Amino acid sequence: MLTMRIDSGRTGLVALAIVVSLSVACEKPAPVAAPPTEVYVIDVVQKDVPVYLELVGQTQGFQDVDIRARVEGFLDTVSFREGTIVRKGDLLYEIDRKPLEALLAASKAELATSQAKLEKANNDVARYTPLVAKQAVSKQELDNAKAERDAETAQVEAGKASVEKATLDLSYTRITAPIDGLAGLTRVKPGNLVGRGESTLLTTISQINPMLFRVAATEADYLRYSRRRGPGTSTASPRADGIQLTLADGSTYAETGRVNLVDRAVDPTTGTLGIQLEYPNPGLLLRPGQYGRARLLLDTRAGALLVPQRAVQELQNLTSVAVVDASNKVAFRTVKTGQRVGSLWVIEEGLKPGEKVVTEGLQRIQDGMTVVAKPAPTEAASAEAAASPAAGGVK
């Protein structure tokens, strides 16, 4: 009986040991906490920002003069090289002179005939006047002589006008440059008949230094431009030599321009107002018909807040940034953006100076998450902070 009790006790101890071992084996190790997410942040930049108005336009010559044939005739010579600079008075074309020389000679002959008749009429009046007093001739004959004299006087004047016109037409056979400028392609070649029924266009000369740049501004843009010196604008403005011009290849034209004139009225069909800008063109880089973008300074916004464009998220018409506070907690904040300045956004509402915004790692964070905030890489941070306002555009 004693032996059986001892065996039963040992069996229970063994079973208990087995149960404890299985329980320990089934327990899972405690999970290890994940390290906080690392993000890169940058301070909100505060600086004065210029506000620009960008307008697309096209160049045109300061003067564009159409050269036309003013008399009819066959073209003899073309005396200039197309696409080159010509000077005022340079010979461009010559038209066959012989028909007009003959017309001038005929006009001179008719004038001489009229002058001879006028001389005879004057002699008749001088001879009849004393004879009428002696009643040697009738007063009717004297009156007829005076009428003849007046008619011949008119014929002489008409002859002189005819000679003058023929002389002027003959001078039109030599066509010279009326201004200094760039000559275009010739529309006619030697041997062509020009001037029949209309003043044939021969070529066009453009004065291209200075050069004009014409833009069309909306009524709203014009009002903004007109008020840039008015009440409410900042007196501080960035240093600028004038209105910059961006060419078709994206380069900035070396010379700056100024407003030459503003059109009298708004075009009712387009709702725009023409503005003409003037640019020096000493190197003759600009040619008529080129497209570009002119940028006019409207105002300077003092103390604007700026953040990198990559720190701004847009979703369903809402714009937000991730702000990291002093305890490294993330808060997504809705903001209102303004114009772009280089690679920065102007923030109208939603941020304060000195706050830090996330520039990299936005996809890995959530609102209220604690993160490890690191300054953005030196190269990127300096590039964002040093973005020049002068390189900015208008949103």
Protein backbone atom coordinates (compact mmCIF):
# COMPACT_ATOMS: atom_id res chain seq x y z
CA MET A 1 0.00 0.00 0.00
CA LEU A 2 2.82 2.46 0.82
CA THR A 3 4.62 1.72 -2.37
CA MET A 4 1.57 2.52 -4.46
CA ARG A 5 1.16 5.96 -2.78
CA ILE A 6 4.78 6.93 -3.48
CA ASP A 7 4.40 6.03 -7.16
CA SER A 8 1.27 8.10 -7.47
CA GLY A 9 3.04 11.19 -6.02
CA ARG A 10 5.92 10.88 -8.41
CA THR A 11 3.55 10.59 -11.35
CA GLY A 12 1.78 13.82 -10.36
CA LEU A 13 5.08 15.69 -10.07
CA VAL A 14 6.15 14.51 -13.47
CA ALA A 15 2.82 15.54 -15.03
CA LEU A 16 3.06 18.97 -13.38
CA ALA A 17 6.56 19.44 -14.77
CA ILE A 18 5.38 18.51 -18.24
CA VAL A 19 2.48 20.99 -18.08
CA VAL A 20 4.78 23.82 -16.94
CA SER A 21 7.24 23.05 -19.69
CA LEU A 22 4.54 23.09 -22.38
CA SER A 23 3.15 26.38 -21.03
CA VAL A 24 6.54 28.06 -21.16
CA ALA A 25 7.19 26.72 -24.64
CA CYS A 26 3.88 28.16 -25.97
CA GLU A 27 4.45 31.74 -24.71
CA LYS A 28 5.51 34.34 -27.53
CA PRO A 29 8.35 36.78 -26.95
CA ALA A 30 7.32 40.39 -26.26
CA PRO A 31 7.35 42.54 -29.49
CA VAL A 32 10.22 45.04 -29.92
CA ALA A 33 9.02 48.67 -30.39
CA ALA A 34 9.79 50.11 -33.88
CA PRO A 35 12.13 53.11 -33.90
CA PRO A 36 10.53 56.50 -34.73
CA THR A 37 10.35 57.41 -38.40
CA GLU A 38 13.06 59.74 -39.64
CA VAL A 39 12.05 62.78 -41.69
CA TYR A 40 13.86 65.80 -43.08
CA VAL A 41 12.59 69.23 -42.13
CA ILE A 42 13.36 72.82 -43.05
CA ASP A 43 12.51 76.10 -41.37
CA VAL A 44 9.84 78.31 -42.86
CA VAL A 45 11.66 81.09 -44.73
CA GLN A 46 10.52 84.70 -44.24
CA LYS A 47 11.66 87.36 -46.71
CA ASP A 48 10.44 90.16 -48.96
CA VAL A 49 9.04 88.79 -52.21
CA PRO A 50 8.52 90.78 -55.44
CA VAL A 51 5.19 90.30 -57.21
CA TYR A 52 5.49 90.09 -60.98
CA LEU A 53 3.10 90.15 -63.91
CA GLU A 54 4.15 87.91 -66.81
CA LEU A 55 2.76 88.64 -70.27
CA VAL A 56 3.31 86.80 -73.55
CA GLY A 57 3.96 88.97 -76.58
CA GLN A 58 5.73 89.40 -79.90
CA THR A 59 8.50 91.66 -81.12
CA GLN A 60 8.12 94.21 -83.88
CA GLY A 61 10.44 96.77 -85.38
CA PHE A 62 10.56 100.24 -83.90
CA GLN A 63 9.60 101.28 -87.41
CA ASP A 64 8.40 98.85 -90.09
CA VAL A 65 8.40 100.67 -93.44
CA ASP A 66 6.95 99.07 -96.57
CA ILE A 67 8.91 100.02 -99.67
CA ARG A 68 6.55 100.35 -102.66
CA ALA A 69 6.80 101.33 -106.31
CA ARG A 70 5.16 104.73 -106.81
CA VAL A 71 5.35 104.75 -110.61
CA GLU A 72 4.71 102.15 -113.28
CA GLY A 73 7.61 100.61 -115.12
CA PHE A 74 9.90 97.63 -115.56
CA LEU A 75 12.34 97.04 -112.75
CA ASP A 76 15.93 97.49 -113.89
CA THR A 77 18.08 96.71 -110.84
CA VAL A 78 17.97 95.55 -107.23
CA SER A 79 20.87 97.30 -105.52
CA PHE A 80 20.86 95.89 -101.97
CA ARG A 81 21.54 92.58 -100.27
CA GLU A 82 18.50 91.02 -98.68
CA GLY A 83 18.60 90.55 -94.90
CA THR A 84 21.29 93.17 -94.32
CA ILE A 85 21.39 96.58 -92.68
CA VAL A 86 20.83 99.49 -95.03
CA ARG A 87 21.34 103.18 -94.34
CA LYS A 88 19.00 106.04 -95.02
CA GLY A 89 19.47 107.19 -98.63
CA ASP A 90 21.00 103.93 -99.90
CA LEU A 91 19.79 102.96 -103.39
CA LEU A 92 17.48 99.94 -103.25
CA TYR A 93 15.78 99.69 -106.68
CA GLU A 94 15.84 101.38 -110.07
CA ILE A 95 12.90 101.41 -112.48
CA ASP A 96 13.33 101.98 -116.23
CA ARG A 97 13.57 105.77 -116.63
CA LYS A 98 13.13 106.15 -120.40
CA PRO A 99 9.30 106.31 -120.60
CA LEU A 100 9.18 108.92 -117.84
CA GLU A 101 12.03 110.91 -119.38
CA ALA A 102 10.01 111.10 -122.60
CA LEU A 103 6.93 112.18 -120.66
CA LEU A 104 8.96 114.90 -118.95
CA ALA A 105 10.25 116.15 -122.30
CA ALA A 106 6.71 116.30 -123.69
CA SER A 107 5.52 118.24 -120.63
CA LYS A 108 8.34 120.73 -121.04
CA ALA A 109 7.44 121.20 -124.71
CA GLU A 110 3.79 121.85 -123.86
CA LEU A 111 4.87 124.34 -121.24
CA ALA A 112 7.04 126.17 -123.74
CA THR A 113 4.10 126.37 -126.18
CA SER A 114 1.82 127.75 -123.48
CA GLN A 115 4.41 130.32 -122.48
CA ALA A 116 4.71 131.49 -126.12
CA LYS A 117 0.95 131.85 -126.39
CA LEU A 118 0.85 133.75 -123.13
CA GLU A 119 3.51 136.14 -124.40
CA LYS A 120 1.45 136.81 -127.57
CA ALA A 121 -1.69 137.37 -125.46
CA ASN A 122 0.15 139.86 -123.25
CA ASN A 123 1.36 141.72 -126.34
CA ASP A 124 -2.17 141.87 -127.71
CA VAL A 125 -3.53 143.34 -124.50
CA ALA A 126 -0.70 145.88 -124.39
CA ARG A 127 -1.35 146.90 -128.00
CA TYR A 128 -5.16 147.10 -127.80
CA THR A 129 -5.31 149.12 -124.57
CA PRO A 130 -4.21 152.52 -126.02
CA LEU A 131 -6.14 151.89 -129.26
CA VAL A 132 -9.40 151.51 -127.38
CA ALA A 133 -8.88 154.98 -125.87
CA LYS A 134 -8.50 156.36 -129.41
CA GLN A 135 -11.48 154.26 -130.56
CA ALA A 136 -9.22 152.60 -133.13
CA VAL A 137 -10.39 149.18 -131.97
CA SER A 138 -13.52 148.16 -130.17
CA LYS A 139 -13.65 147.45 -126.47
CA GLN A 140 -14.87 143.95 -127.37
CA GLU A 141 -11.54 143.15 -129.01
CA LEU A 142 -9.66 144.31 -125.93
CA ASP A 143 -11.86 142.17 -123.71
CA ASN A 144 -11.21 139.16 -125.94
CA ALA A 145 -7.46 139.74 -125.73
CA LYS A 146 -7.60 139.93 -121.95
CA ALA A 147 -9.60 136.70 -121.78
CA GLU A 148 -7.07 135.00 -124.04
CA ARG A 149 -4.26 136.25 -121.80
CA ASP A 150 -5.95 134.82 -118.70
CA ALA A 151 -6.53 131.46 -120.41
CA GLU A 152 -2.90 131.23 -121.52
CA THR A 153 -1.77 132.14 -118.01
CA ALA A 154 -3.75 129.19 -116.69
CA GLN A 155 -2.26 126.95 -119.37
CA VAL A 156 1.24 127.99 -118.35
CA GLU A 157 0.49 127.13 -114.70
CA ALA A 158 -0.93 123.77 -115.78
CA GLY A 159 2.16 123.15 -117.87
CA LYS A 160 4.43 123.94 -114.94
CA ALA A 161 2.45 121.52 -112.75
CA SER A 162 2.74 118.86 -115.46
CA VAL A 163 6.50 119.35 -115.67
CA GLU A 164 6.79 119.22 -111.90
CA LYS A 165 4.79 115.97 -111.74
CA ALA A 166 6.81 114.40 -114.53
CA THR A 167 10.02 115.41 -112.76
CA LEU A 168 8.74 113.93 -109.50
CA ASP A 169 7.66 110.70 -111.20
CA LEU A 170 11.08 110.43 -112.80
CA SER A 171 12.70 110.75 -109.37
CA TYR A 172 10.55 107.87 -108.14
CA THR A 173 12.40 105.53 -110.50
CA ARG A 174 15.27 105.61 -107.99
CA ILE A 175 13.97 104.03 -104.78
CA THR A 176 16.13 104.70 -101.73
CA ALA A 177 15.95 103.63 -98.09
CA PRO A 178 13.88 106.09 -96.02
CA ILE A 179 15.42 104.95 -92.69
CA ASP A 180 18.34 103.00 -91.28
CA GLY A 181 17.20 99.43 -90.73
CA LEU A 182 17.16 95.77 -91.64
CA ALA A 183 16.01 95.06 -95.18
CA GLY A 184 13.80 92.05 -95.75
CA LEU A 185 13.41 89.81 -98.78
CA THR A 186 12.73 91.50 -102.11
CA ARG A 187 9.30 90.70 -103.50
CA VAL A 188 10.24 91.46 -107.12
CA LYS A 189 13.19 90.74 -109.39
CA PRO A 190 14.70 92.73 -112.30
CA GLY A 191 12.44 92.60 -115.34
CA ASN A 192 9.17 92.56 -113.39
CA LEU A 193 6.55 95.16 -114.22
CA VAL A 194 5.73 97.11 -111.06
CA GLY A 195 3.32 99.86 -110.14
CA ARG A 196 0.58 99.04 -112.68
CA GLY A 197 -2.74 99.93 -111.07
CA GLU A 198 -1.31 99.84 -107.54
CA SER A 199 1.83 100.64 -105.58
CA THR A 200 3.61 97.28 -105.71
CA LEU A 201 5.22 96.15 -102.43
CA LEU A 202 8.94 95.70 -103.08
CA THR A 203 10.36 94.95 -99.62
CA THR A 204 10.10 96.01 -95.96
CA ILE A 205 12.72 97.76 -93.84
CA SER A 206 12.57 97.48 -90.05
CA GLN A 207 14.36 99.68 -87.57
CA ILE A 208 15.37 97.07 -84.97
CA ASN A 209 17.41 99.10 -82.50
CA PRO A 210 15.54 99.74 -80.31
CA MET A 211 13.03 96.92 -80.65
CA LEU A 212 9.38 96.99 -79.61
CA PHE A 213 7.67 94.14 -77.75
CA ARG A 214 3.89 94.19 -77.81
CA VAL A 215 1.76 92.37 -75.23
CA ALA A 216 -1.96 92.17 -74.51
CA ALA A 217 -2.93 92.55 -70.85
CA THR A 218 -6.32 91.71 -69.42
CA GLU A 219 -8.29 94.49 -67.76
CA ALA A 220 -7.48 93.02 -64.34
CA ASP A 221 -3.75 92.85 -65.11
CA TYR A 222 -3.80 96.41 -66.41
CA LEU A 223 -5.44 97.63 -63.20
CA ARG A 224 -2.82 95.80 -61.13
CA TYR A 225 -0.08 97.39 -63.21
CA SER A 226 -1.62 100.86 -62.95
CA ARG A 227 -1.91 100.64 -59.18
CA ARG A 228 1.61 99.40 -58.50
CA ARG A 229 2.61 102.90 -57.37
CA GLY A 230 -0.74 103.63 -55.77
CA PRO A 231 -1.91 103.42 -52.14
CA GLY A 232 -1.32 100.16 -50.34
CA THR A 233 1.77 99.12 -52.28
CA SER A 234 5.06 98.57 -50.58
CA THR A 235 7.66 101.28 -50.94
CA ALA A 236 10.45 98.71 -50.77
CA SER A 237 11.17 97.17 -54.14
CA PRO A 238 13.96 94.86 -55.32
CA ARG A 239 16.77 96.31 -57.37
CA ALA A 240 15.89 95.97 -61.02
CA ASP A 241 17.15 97.64 -64.15
CA GLY A 242 13.82 97.31 -65.93
CA ILE A 243 11.43 94.83 -67.46
CA GLN A 244 12.99 91.44 -68.14
CA LEU A 245 12.32 89.53 -71.35
CA THR A 246 12.42 85.73 -71.58
CA LEU A 247 13.05 84.44 -75.09
CA ALA A 248 11.61 81.35 -76.78
CA ASP A 249 14.53 79.13 -75.72
CA GLY A 250 14.02 80.02 -72.05
CA SER A 251 17.02 82.36 -71.86
CA THR A 252 16.76 85.84 -70.36
CA TYR A 253 17.50 88.69 -72.74
CA ALA A 254 20.54 90.66 -71.62
CA GLU A 255 18.90 94.09 -71.98
CA THR A 256 15.99 95.30 -69.88
CA GLY A 257 13.10 97.32 -71.25
CA ARG A 258 10.59 99.94 -70.32
CA VAL A 259 6.94 100.71 -71.07
CA ASN A 260 6.79 102.66 -74.32
CA LEU A 261 3.04 103.26 -74.44
CA VAL A 262 -0.33 101.87 -73.40
CA ASP A 263 -3.17 101.68 -75.93
CA ARG A 264 -5.99 104.18 -75.75
CA ALA A 265 -8.82 101.68 -75.24
CA VAL A 266 -9.60 98.08 -74.32
CA ASP A 267 -10.34 95.83 -77.29
CA PRO A 268 -14.02 94.86 -76.79
CA THR A 269 -13.63 91.61 -78.75
CA THR A 270 -10.82 90.22 -76.56
CA GLY A 271 -11.14 92.27 -73.37
CA THR A 272 -7.44 93.10 -73.47
CA LEU A 273 -5.41 96.28 -73.57
CA GLY A 274 -2.27 96.56 -75.65
CA ILE A 275 0.98 97.53 -73.90
CA GLN A 276 4.08 98.33 -75.92
CA LEU A 277 7.51 97.79 -74.37
CA GLU A 278 10.81 99.07 -75.69
CA TYR A 279 14.12 97.14 -75.52
CA PRO A 280 17.60 98.19 -76.64
CA ASN A 281 18.92 95.83 -79.32
CA PRO A 282 22.60 96.71 -79.84
CA GLY A 283 23.59 93.18 -80.85
CA LEU A 284 20.59 92.86 -83.21
CA LEU A 285 19.64 89.57 -81.52
CA LEU A 286 15.96 90.45 -81.58
CA ARG A 287 14.14 90.31 -84.90
CA PRO A 288 10.55 91.24 -85.72
CA GLY A 289 8.04 88.45 -85.08
CA GLN A 290 9.81 86.69 -82.18
CA TYR A 291 7.73 85.47 -79.24
CA GLY A 292 8.68 85.85 -75.60
CA ARG A 293 7.48 86.63 -72.06
CA ALA A 294 7.88 90.02 -70.43
CA ARG A 295 7.85 90.30 -66.64
CA LEU A 296 6.68 93.54 -65.05
CA LEU A 297 7.25 94.26 -61.37
CA LEU A 298 3.92 95.06 -59.68
CA ASP A 299 4.78 95.23 -55.98
CA THR A 300 6.95 93.84 -53.19
CA ARG A 301 5.34 91.72 -50.51
CA ALA A 302 7.17 92.32 -47.23
CA GLY A 303 7.82 89.43 -44.83
CA ALA A 304 6.26 86.68 -46.94
CA LEU A 305 6.48 83.08 -45.65
CA LEU A 306 7.97 80.54 -48.04
CA VAL A 307 8.33 76.75 -48.03
CA PRO A 308 9.77 74.34 -50.62
CA GLN A 309 7.32 73.16 -53.23
CA ARG A 310 7.99 69.52 -52.34
CA ALA A 311 6.75 70.19 -48.78
CA VAL A 312 3.29 71.04 -50.09
CA GLN A 313 0.70 68.32 -50.74
CA GLU A 314 -2.45 68.82 -52.80
CA LEU A 315 -5.42 66.47 -52.43
CA GLN A 316 -9.01 67.15 -53.50
CA ASN A 317 -8.46 70.90 -53.79
CA LEU A 318 -6.93 71.02 -50.31
CA THR A 319 -3.33 72.07 -49.81
CA SER A 320 -1.48 70.96 -46.70
CA VAL A 321 1.96 70.73 -45.12
CA ALA A 322 3.32 68.55 -42.30
CA VAL A 323 4.57 70.62 -39.35
CA VAL A 324 6.88 69.13 -36.70
CA ASP A 325 6.64 70.79 -33.25
CA ALA A 326 9.20 71.03 -30.46
CA SER A 327 8.23 67.55 -29.13
CA ASN A 328 8.78 66.03 -32.61
CA LYS A 329 5.09 65.36 -33.16
CA VAL A 330 3.65 65.69 -36.66
CA ALA A 331 0.60 67.82 -37.39
CA PHE A 332 -0.85 68.08 -40.89
CA ARG A 333 -2.05 71.63 -41.47
CA THR A 334 -4.19 73.05 -44.25
CA VAL A 335 -2.57 76.12 -45.85
CA LYS A 336 -3.36 78.68 -48.52
CA THR A 337 -0.65 79.09 -51.15
CA GLY A 338 0.17 82.22 -53.10
CA GLN A 339 2.68 82.82 -55.88
CA ARG A 340 5.73 80.72 -56.67
CA VAL A 341 9.21 82.15 -56.14
CA GLY A 342 11.79 79.92 -57.80
CA SER A 343 11.29 76.51 -56.14
CA LEU A 344 9.40 77.96 -53.17
CA TRP A 345 5.72 78.57 -52.46
CA VAL A 346 4.46 81.68 -50.74
CA ILE A 347 2.13 80.62 -47.90
CA GLU A 348 -0.72 83.05 -47.41
CA GLU A 349 -2.35 81.35 -44.39
CA GLY A 350 -1.68 78.41 -42.07
CA LEU A 351 1.98 78.80 -41.04
CA LYS A 352 4.02 80.98 -38.70
CA PRO A 353 7.65 82.13 -38.89
CA GLY A 354 10.12 79.69 -37.32
CA GLU A 355 8.00 76.56 -37.76
CA LYS A 356 9.53 73.45 -39.32
CA VAL A 357 7.90 71.64 -42.24
CA VAL A 358 8.66 68.17 -43.57
CA THR A 359 10.31 68.10 -46.98
CA GLU A 360 11.15 64.38 -47.25
CA GLY A 361 9.38 61.38 -45.75
CA LEU A 362 5.80 62.64 -46.10
CA GLN A 363 4.58 59.24 -47.32
CA ARG A 364 5.72 57.49 -44.13
CA ILE A 365 4.09 59.73 -41.52
CA GLN A 366 0.63 60.30 -40.11
CA ASP A 367 -1.01 63.05 -38.09
CA GLY A 368 0.06 62.88 -34.41
CA MET A 369 3.02 60.55 -35.06
CA THR A 370 6.29 61.13 -33.22
CA VAL A 371 9.24 61.32 -35.58
CA VAL A 372 12.96 61.94 -35.60
CA ALA A 373 13.36 65.32 -37.33
CA LYS A 374 16.61 65.94 -39.14
CA PRO A 375 17.63 69.10 -40.99
CA ALA A 376 17.33 68.80 -44.72
CA PRO A 377 20.62 68.10 -46.52
CA THR A 378 22.82 71.15 -46.70
CA GLU A 379 22.75 71.39 -50.49
CA ALA A 380 18.97 71.19 -50.74
CA ALA A 381 18.35 73.51 -47.82
CA SER A 382 20.71 76.17 -49.10
CA ALA A 383 19.23 75.90 -52.58
CA GLU A 384 15.71 76.36 -51.26
CA ALA A 385 16.61 79.20 -48.89
CA ALA A 386 18.78 81.02 -51.40
CA ALA A 387 16.25 80.92 -54.23
CA SER A 388 16.36 84.43 -55.61
CA PRO A 389 13.03 86.30 -55.74
CA ALA A 390 14.16 87.74 -59.04
CA ALA A 391 13.89 84.27 -60.54
CA GLY A 392 10.29 83.86 -59.50
CA GLY A 393 7.14 83.87 -61.54
CA VAL A 394 3.50 84.64 -60.95
CA LYS A 395 1.20 81.80 -60.12
